């Protein structure tokens, strides 16, 4: 799937970071934060990876270019887990060798996982009958 000249992958079923791995990843991304001279800008909804540390005036991005983003949901499916459901690599990211898998693997390695090894959310089957149909007929 393509988006804004980049490559987007909707992760189905979604990857789920268990509690210990989630804590390790969050801690590592905080330590590698753009505000600390790192290349990650992480929030509870999205993790952004830049090609170099932010070098602009007043802590802005400057010449740093976005490589890609990972869409995450904290506290799901359980309180301390993190669900990863979409990742995008920008055109710039692709031009310097990034893939969706490489982007995800870089973040997940802090928790001891790769995207391929990460546990997946359980998918439930839809009801076999129409839930809006009157059972009495």
N, C-alpha and C. Protein backbone atom coordinates (compact mmCIF):
# COMPACT_ATOMS: atom_id res chain seq x y z
N UNK A 1 0.85 -1.16 0.00
CA UNK A 1 0.00 0.00 0.00
C UNK A 1 0.90 1.24 0.00
N UNK A 2 0.60 2.23 -0.76
CA UNK A 2 1.43 3.42 -0.85
C UNK A 2 0.71 4.61 -0.26
N UNK A 3 1.45 5.48 0.43
CA UNK A 3 0.88 6.67 1.05
C UNK A 3 1.90 7.79 1.01
N UNK A 4 1.53 8.92 0.42
CA UNK A 4 2.39 10.10 0.34
C UNK A 4 3.77 9.78 -0.21
N UNK A 5 3.83 8.94 -1.21
CA UNK A 5 5.10 8.60 -1.81
C UNK A 5 5.91 7.61 -1.01
N UNK A 6 5.38 7.13 0.11
CA UNK A 6 6.08 6.16 0.95
C UNK A 6 5.42 4.81 0.87
N UNK A 7 5.83 3.93 1.75
CA UNK A 7 5.30 2.59 1.80
C UNK A 7 4.67 2.36 3.16
N UNK A 8 3.39 1.99 3.19
CA UNK A 8 2.65 1.75 4.43
C UNK A 8 2.25 0.29 4.51
N UNK A 9 2.41 -0.28 5.69
CA UNK A 9 1.98 -1.65 5.94
C UNK A 9 1.01 -1.63 7.11
N UNK A 10 -0.20 -2.11 6.88
CA UNK A 10 -1.15 -2.32 7.96
C UNK A 10 -0.84 -3.71 8.49
N UNK A 11 -0.52 -3.79 9.76
CA UNK A 11 -0.06 -5.05 10.35
C UNK A 11 -1.27 -5.83 10.84
N UNK A 12 -1.55 -6.96 10.18
CA UNK A 12 -2.70 -7.81 10.48
C UNK A 12 -2.25 -9.25 10.64
N UNK A 13 -2.57 -9.92 11.71
CA UNK A 13 -3.06 -9.29 12.92
C UNK A 13 -1.99 -8.41 13.54
N UNK A 14 -2.43 -7.44 14.31
CA UNK A 14 -1.52 -6.47 14.91
C UNK A 14 -0.49 -7.16 15.80
N UNK A 15 0.70 -6.58 15.85
CA UNK A 15 1.76 -7.09 16.72
C UNK A 15 1.51 -6.55 18.13
N UNK A 16 1.76 -7.38 19.12
CA UNK A 16 1.53 -6.98 20.52
C UNK A 16 2.81 -7.19 21.31
N UNK A 17 3.33 -6.10 21.86
CA UNK A 17 4.52 -6.19 22.72
C UNK A 17 4.09 -6.52 24.14
N UNK A 18 4.58 -7.64 24.67
CA UNK A 18 4.26 -7.98 26.06
C UNK A 18 4.83 -6.92 27.02
N UNK A 19 4.35 -6.91 28.24
CA UNK A 19 4.67 -5.88 29.22
C UNK A 19 6.17 -5.60 29.37
N UNK A 20 6.98 -6.62 29.62
CA UNK A 20 8.42 -6.38 29.83
C UNK A 20 9.09 -5.80 28.59
N UNK A 21 8.74 -6.33 27.42
CA UNK A 21 9.31 -5.82 26.17
C UNK A 21 8.83 -4.40 25.91
N UNK A 22 7.56 -4.11 26.21
CA UNK A 22 7.02 -2.77 26.00
C UNK A 22 7.77 -1.76 26.85
N UNK A 23 8.03 -2.10 28.09
CA UNK A 23 8.77 -1.19 28.98
C UNK A 23 10.18 -0.95 28.45
N UNK A 24 10.83 -2.01 27.99
CA UNK A 24 12.20 -1.88 27.46
C UNK A 24 12.23 -1.00 26.22
N UNK A 25 11.27 -1.17 25.34
CA UNK A 25 11.21 -0.36 24.11
C UNK A 25 10.96 1.10 24.46
N UNK A 26 9.99 1.37 25.32
CA UNK A 26 9.69 2.76 25.69
C UNK A 26 10.91 3.42 26.33
N UNK A 27 11.58 2.72 27.22
CA UNK A 27 12.77 3.26 27.87
C UNK A 27 13.86 3.58 26.85
N UNK A 28 14.10 2.66 25.93
CA UNK A 28 15.13 2.87 24.91
C UNK A 28 14.78 4.02 23.98
N UNK A 29 13.51 4.12 23.57
CA UNK A 29 13.11 5.22 22.69
C UNK A 29 13.22 6.56 23.41
N UNK A 30 12.94 6.59 24.72
CA UNK A 30 13.12 7.82 25.49
C UNK A 30 14.59 8.22 25.55
N UNK A 31 15.47 7.24 25.71
CA UNK A 31 16.90 7.53 25.76
C UNK A 31 17.44 7.98 24.40
N UNK A 32 16.81 7.52 23.32
CA UNK A 32 17.22 7.89 21.96
C UNK A 32 16.33 9.01 21.39
N UNK A 33 15.70 9.78 22.27
CA UNK A 33 14.78 10.83 21.85
C UNK A 33 15.52 11.97 21.15
N UNK A 34 14.84 12.58 20.19
CA UNK A 34 15.42 13.69 19.44
C UNK A 34 15.81 14.85 20.36
N UNK A 35 15.13 15.00 21.49
CA UNK A 35 15.46 16.07 22.44
C UNK A 35 16.77 15.78 23.17
N UNK A 36 17.26 14.54 23.08
CA UNK A 36 18.50 14.14 23.74
C UNK A 36 19.61 13.83 22.74
N UNK A 37 19.42 14.26 21.50
CA UNK A 37 20.44 14.00 20.49
C UNK A 37 20.26 12.67 19.77
N UNK A 38 19.12 12.03 19.98
CA UNK A 38 18.83 10.76 19.32
C UNK A 38 18.04 10.95 18.04
N UNK A 39 17.49 9.85 17.54
CA UNK A 39 16.79 9.88 16.25
C UNK A 39 15.31 9.48 16.35
N UNK A 40 14.80 9.25 17.55
CA UNK A 40 13.41 8.86 17.74
C UNK A 40 12.60 9.98 18.38
N UNK A 41 11.39 10.16 17.92
CA UNK A 41 10.42 11.07 18.51
C UNK A 41 9.19 10.23 18.82
N UNK A 42 9.09 9.76 20.06
CA UNK A 42 8.05 8.80 20.41
C UNK A 42 6.99 9.42 21.30
N UNK A 43 5.74 9.08 21.02
CA UNK A 43 4.60 9.46 21.85
C UNK A 43 3.70 8.23 21.97
N UNK A 44 2.68 8.28 22.83
CA UNK A 44 1.81 7.12 22.99
C UNK A 44 1.03 6.71 21.74
N UNK A 45 1.01 7.51 20.69
CA UNK A 45 0.27 7.15 19.48
C UNK A 45 1.14 6.84 18.28
N UNK A 46 2.36 7.39 18.28
CA UNK A 46 3.22 7.19 17.12
C UNK A 46 4.69 7.30 17.51
N UNK A 47 5.49 6.43 16.89
CA UNK A 47 6.94 6.50 17.05
C UNK A 47 7.50 6.94 15.70
N UNK A 48 8.25 8.05 15.69
CA UNK A 48 8.83 8.56 14.46
C UNK A 48 10.35 8.38 14.49
N UNK A 49 10.90 7.89 13.37
CA UNK A 49 12.35 7.68 13.25
C UNK A 49 12.89 8.68 12.24
N UNK A 50 13.92 9.43 12.61
CA UNK A 50 14.56 10.40 11.73
C UNK A 50 15.92 9.86 11.27
N UNK A 51 16.44 10.42 10.19
CA UNK A 51 17.71 9.94 9.64
C UNK A 51 18.91 10.40 10.46
N UNK A 52 18.81 11.57 11.09
CA UNK A 52 19.85 12.10 11.96
C UNK A 52 19.18 12.79 13.13
N UNK A 53 19.97 13.09 14.14
CA UNK A 53 19.44 13.82 15.29
C UNK A 53 18.95 15.20 14.84
N UNK A 54 17.95 15.72 15.55
CA UNK A 54 17.46 17.05 15.24
C UNK A 54 18.58 18.06 15.48
N UNK A 55 18.75 18.97 14.54
CA UNK A 55 19.85 19.93 14.64
C UNK A 55 19.41 21.35 14.34
N UNK A 56 18.14 21.61 14.45
CA UNK A 56 17.60 22.94 14.14
C UNK A 56 17.63 23.89 15.33
N UNK A 57 17.34 25.12 15.05
CA UNK A 57 17.29 26.17 16.06
C UNK A 57 16.22 25.84 17.10
N UNK A 58 16.57 25.98 18.35
CA UNK A 58 15.61 25.78 19.43
C UNK A 58 15.10 24.37 19.56
N UNK A 59 15.88 23.40 19.11
CA UNK A 59 15.48 22.00 19.23
C UNK A 59 14.55 21.51 18.15
N UNK A 60 14.48 22.24 17.04
CA UNK A 60 13.62 21.81 15.93
C UNK A 60 14.36 20.81 15.05
N UNK A 61 13.65 20.23 14.11
CA UNK A 61 14.20 19.16 13.27
C UNK A 61 15.39 19.61 12.43
N UNK A 62 15.42 20.85 12.00
CA UNK A 62 16.54 21.31 11.18
C UNK A 62 16.63 20.53 9.88
N UNK A 63 17.78 19.93 9.64
CA UNK A 63 17.98 19.17 8.40
C UNK A 63 17.59 17.70 8.53
N UNK A 64 17.18 17.29 9.73
CA UNK A 64 16.76 15.89 9.92
C UNK A 64 15.51 15.61 9.11
N UNK A 65 15.50 14.45 8.46
CA UNK A 65 14.35 14.05 7.65
C UNK A 65 13.70 12.80 8.25
N UNK A 66 12.39 12.78 8.18
CA UNK A 66 11.64 11.65 8.69
C UNK A 66 11.88 10.42 7.82
N UNK A 67 12.25 9.32 8.45
CA UNK A 67 12.45 8.05 7.77
C UNK A 67 11.15 7.26 7.74
N UNK A 68 10.45 7.26 8.88
CA UNK A 68 9.21 6.50 8.95
C UNK A 68 8.52 6.64 10.28
N UNK A 69 7.30 6.12 10.34
CA UNK A 69 6.50 6.16 11.56
C UNK A 69 5.91 4.79 11.85
N UNK A 70 5.74 4.54 13.13
CA UNK A 70 5.09 3.31 13.58
C UNK A 70 3.89 3.74 14.41
N UNK A 71 2.70 3.32 14.02
CA UNK A 71 1.48 3.65 14.76
C UNK A 71 1.28 2.61 15.86
N UNK A 72 1.12 3.11 17.09
CA UNK A 72 1.00 2.23 18.25
C UNK A 72 -0.17 2.65 19.13
N UNK A 73 -0.62 1.73 19.93
CA UNK A 73 -1.65 2.01 20.94
C UNK A 73 -1.15 1.45 22.26
N UNK A 74 -0.94 2.33 23.23
CA UNK A 74 -0.49 1.90 24.55
C UNK A 74 -1.69 1.40 25.35
N UNK A 75 -1.43 0.40 26.21
CA UNK A 75 -2.48 -0.09 27.10
C UNK A 75 -3.49 -0.99 26.44
N UNK A 76 -3.11 -1.62 25.34
CA UNK A 76 -4.02 -2.53 24.67
C UNK A 76 -3.23 -3.69 24.07
N UNK A 77 -3.68 -4.91 24.13
CA UNK A 77 -4.97 -5.37 24.64
C UNK A 77 -5.06 -5.39 26.17
N UNK A 78 -3.93 -5.36 26.89
CA UNK A 78 -4.00 -5.23 28.34
C UNK A 78 -3.29 -3.95 28.75
N UNK A 79 -3.42 -3.58 29.97
CA UNK A 79 -2.95 -2.29 30.47
C UNK A 79 -1.49 -1.96 30.15
N UNK A 80 -0.60 -2.93 30.20
CA UNK A 80 0.82 -2.64 30.04
C UNK A 80 1.41 -3.10 28.71
N UNK A 81 0.58 -3.56 27.82
CA UNK A 81 1.06 -3.99 26.50
C UNK A 81 0.95 -2.84 25.50
N UNK A 82 1.66 -2.98 24.39
CA UNK A 82 1.59 -2.01 23.31
C UNK A 82 1.24 -2.75 22.03
N UNK A 83 0.24 -2.26 21.32
CA UNK A 83 -0.16 -2.84 20.04
C UNK A 83 0.41 -2.00 18.91
N UNK A 84 1.04 -2.66 17.96
CA UNK A 84 1.61 -2.01 16.78
C UNK A 84 0.73 -2.43 15.61
N UNK A 85 0.09 -1.44 14.97
CA UNK A 85 -0.89 -1.80 13.95
C UNK A 85 -0.62 -1.23 12.56
N UNK A 86 0.32 -0.30 12.45
CA UNK A 86 0.63 0.24 11.12
C UNK A 86 2.02 0.84 11.14
N UNK A 87 2.73 0.73 10.02
CA UNK A 87 4.05 1.35 9.90
C UNK A 87 4.19 1.93 8.50
N UNK A 88 4.85 3.07 8.42
CA UNK A 88 5.05 3.74 7.14
C UNK A 88 6.51 4.17 7.01
N UNK A 89 7.09 3.91 5.86
CA UNK A 89 8.42 4.42 5.53
C UNK A 89 8.22 5.50 4.48
N UNK A 90 8.80 6.67 4.70
CA UNK A 90 8.67 7.78 3.76
C UNK A 90 9.47 7.51 2.48
N UNK A 91 9.23 8.32 1.48
CA UNK A 91 10.02 8.23 0.25
C UNK A 91 11.50 8.43 0.56
N UNK A 92 11.79 9.39 1.42
CA UNK A 92 13.20 9.61 1.81
C UNK A 92 13.76 8.36 2.48
N UNK A 93 12.99 7.78 3.39
CA UNK A 93 13.44 6.57 4.06
C UNK A 93 13.75 5.45 3.09
N UNK A 94 12.85 5.26 2.12
CA UNK A 94 13.08 4.23 1.10
C UNK A 94 14.35 4.52 0.31
N UNK A 95 14.59 5.80 0.00
CA UNK A 95 15.75 6.15 -0.82
C UNK A 95 17.07 5.90 -0.11
N UNK A 96 17.04 5.83 1.22
CA UNK A 96 18.28 5.55 1.96
C UNK A 96 18.28 4.14 2.55
N UNK A 97 17.39 3.27 2.02
CA UNK A 97 17.46 1.85 2.34
C UNK A 97 16.54 1.32 3.42
N UNK A 98 15.61 2.11 3.90
CA UNK A 98 14.70 1.63 4.93
C UNK A 98 13.52 0.88 4.33
N UNK A 99 13.05 -0.12 5.05
CA UNK A 99 11.82 -0.85 4.73
C UNK A 99 10.95 -0.81 5.98
N UNK A 100 9.69 -1.16 5.83
CA UNK A 100 8.79 -1.21 6.98
C UNK A 100 9.32 -2.20 8.02
N UNK A 101 9.77 -3.35 7.57
CA UNK A 101 10.27 -4.36 8.50
C UNK A 101 11.50 -3.85 9.24
N UNK A 102 12.43 -3.21 8.53
CA UNK A 102 13.65 -2.69 9.15
C UNK A 102 13.31 -1.63 10.19
N UNK A 103 12.36 -0.75 9.87
CA UNK A 103 11.93 0.29 10.79
C UNK A 103 11.36 -0.33 12.07
N UNK A 104 10.44 -1.26 11.91
CA UNK A 104 9.83 -1.92 13.08
C UNK A 104 10.87 -2.69 13.88
N UNK A 105 11.73 -3.42 13.17
CA UNK A 105 12.74 -4.22 13.86
C UNK A 105 13.68 -3.35 14.69
N UNK A 106 14.01 -2.15 14.19
CA UNK A 106 14.90 -1.28 14.96
C UNK A 106 14.28 -0.91 16.30
N UNK A 107 13.01 -0.58 16.32
CA UNK A 107 12.35 -0.23 17.58
C UNK A 107 12.13 -1.46 18.45
N UNK A 108 11.66 -2.54 17.85
CA UNK A 108 11.31 -3.74 18.62
C UNK A 108 12.52 -4.46 19.20
N UNK A 109 13.69 -4.29 18.61
CA UNK A 109 14.87 -5.00 19.10
C UNK A 109 15.20 -4.62 20.54
N UNK A 110 14.81 -3.41 20.95
CA UNK A 110 15.04 -3.00 22.34
C UNK A 110 14.28 -3.88 23.32
N UNK A 111 13.22 -4.50 22.85
CA UNK A 111 12.44 -5.41 23.69
C UNK A 111 12.74 -6.86 23.40
N UNK A 112 13.73 -7.12 22.53
CA UNK A 112 14.12 -8.49 22.22
C UNK A 112 13.30 -9.15 21.13
N UNK A 113 12.64 -8.35 20.29
CA UNK A 113 11.79 -8.89 19.23
C UNK A 113 12.14 -8.30 17.87
N UNK A 114 11.66 -8.98 16.85
CA UNK A 114 11.58 -8.42 15.50
C UNK A 114 10.09 -8.42 15.16
N UNK A 115 9.73 -7.74 14.08
CA UNK A 115 8.32 -7.74 13.69
C UNK A 115 7.85 -9.17 13.42
N UNK A 116 8.68 -9.98 12.79
CA UNK A 116 8.31 -11.35 12.48
C UNK A 116 8.15 -12.24 13.71
N UNK A 117 8.85 -11.91 14.79
CA UNK A 117 8.80 -12.71 16.01
C UNK A 117 7.79 -12.21 17.03
N UNK A 118 7.29 -11.02 16.84
CA UNK A 118 6.41 -10.39 17.83
C UNK A 118 5.08 -11.14 17.93
N UNK A 119 4.60 -11.36 19.16
CA UNK A 119 3.28 -11.99 19.32
C UNK A 119 2.21 -11.18 18.60
N UNK A 120 1.15 -11.84 18.20
CA UNK A 120 0.07 -11.17 17.44
C UNK A 120 -1.22 -11.14 18.23
N UNK A 121 -2.01 -10.11 17.96
CA UNK A 121 -3.32 -9.98 18.59
C UNK A 121 -4.21 -11.13 18.15
N UNK A 122 -5.04 -11.57 19.05
CA UNK A 122 -5.97 -12.63 18.69
C UNK A 122 -7.11 -12.05 17.88
N UNK A 123 -7.38 -12.69 16.77
CA UNK A 123 -8.48 -12.27 15.92
C UNK A 123 -9.69 -13.14 16.26
N UNK A 124 -10.82 -12.51 16.44
CA UNK A 124 -12.04 -13.27 16.71
C UNK A 124 -12.85 -13.37 15.42
N UNK A 125 -13.54 -14.46 15.28
CA UNK A 125 -14.38 -14.64 14.11
C UNK A 125 -15.66 -13.83 14.26
N UNK A 126 -16.15 -13.29 13.17
CA UNK A 126 -17.43 -12.59 13.25
C UNK A 126 -18.54 -13.59 13.56
N UNK A 127 -19.65 -13.11 14.09
CA UNK A 127 -20.75 -14.04 14.41
C UNK A 127 -21.23 -14.75 13.14
N UNK A 128 -21.65 -16.00 13.33
CA UNK A 128 -22.10 -16.78 12.18
C UNK A 128 -23.51 -16.39 11.74
N UNK A 129 -24.20 -15.68 12.60
CA UNK A 129 -25.54 -15.20 12.25
C UNK A 129 -25.53 -13.68 12.27
N UNK A 130 -26.50 -13.09 11.63
CA UNK A 130 -26.63 -11.65 11.59
C UNK A 130 -27.09 -11.16 12.96
N UNK A 131 -26.25 -10.40 13.71
CA UNK A 131 -26.64 -9.98 15.05
C UNK A 131 -27.80 -8.97 15.04
N UNK A 132 -28.13 -8.41 13.88
CA UNK A 132 -29.20 -7.43 13.81
C UNK A 132 -30.53 -8.04 13.34
N UNK A 133 -30.48 -9.30 13.02
CA UNK A 133 -31.69 -9.98 12.57
C UNK A 133 -32.45 -10.51 13.80
N UNK A 134 -33.75 -10.35 13.78
CA UNK A 134 -34.59 -10.83 14.87
C UNK A 134 -34.55 -12.35 14.88
N UNK A 135 -34.09 -12.96 16.00
CA UNK A 135 -34.00 -14.43 16.05
C UNK A 135 -35.36 -15.11 15.92
N UNK A 136 -36.45 -14.39 16.19
CA UNK A 136 -37.78 -14.99 16.10
C UNK A 136 -38.26 -15.03 14.63
N UNK A 137 -37.46 -14.39 13.77
CA UNK A 137 -37.81 -14.47 12.37
C UNK A 137 -38.45 -13.27 11.88
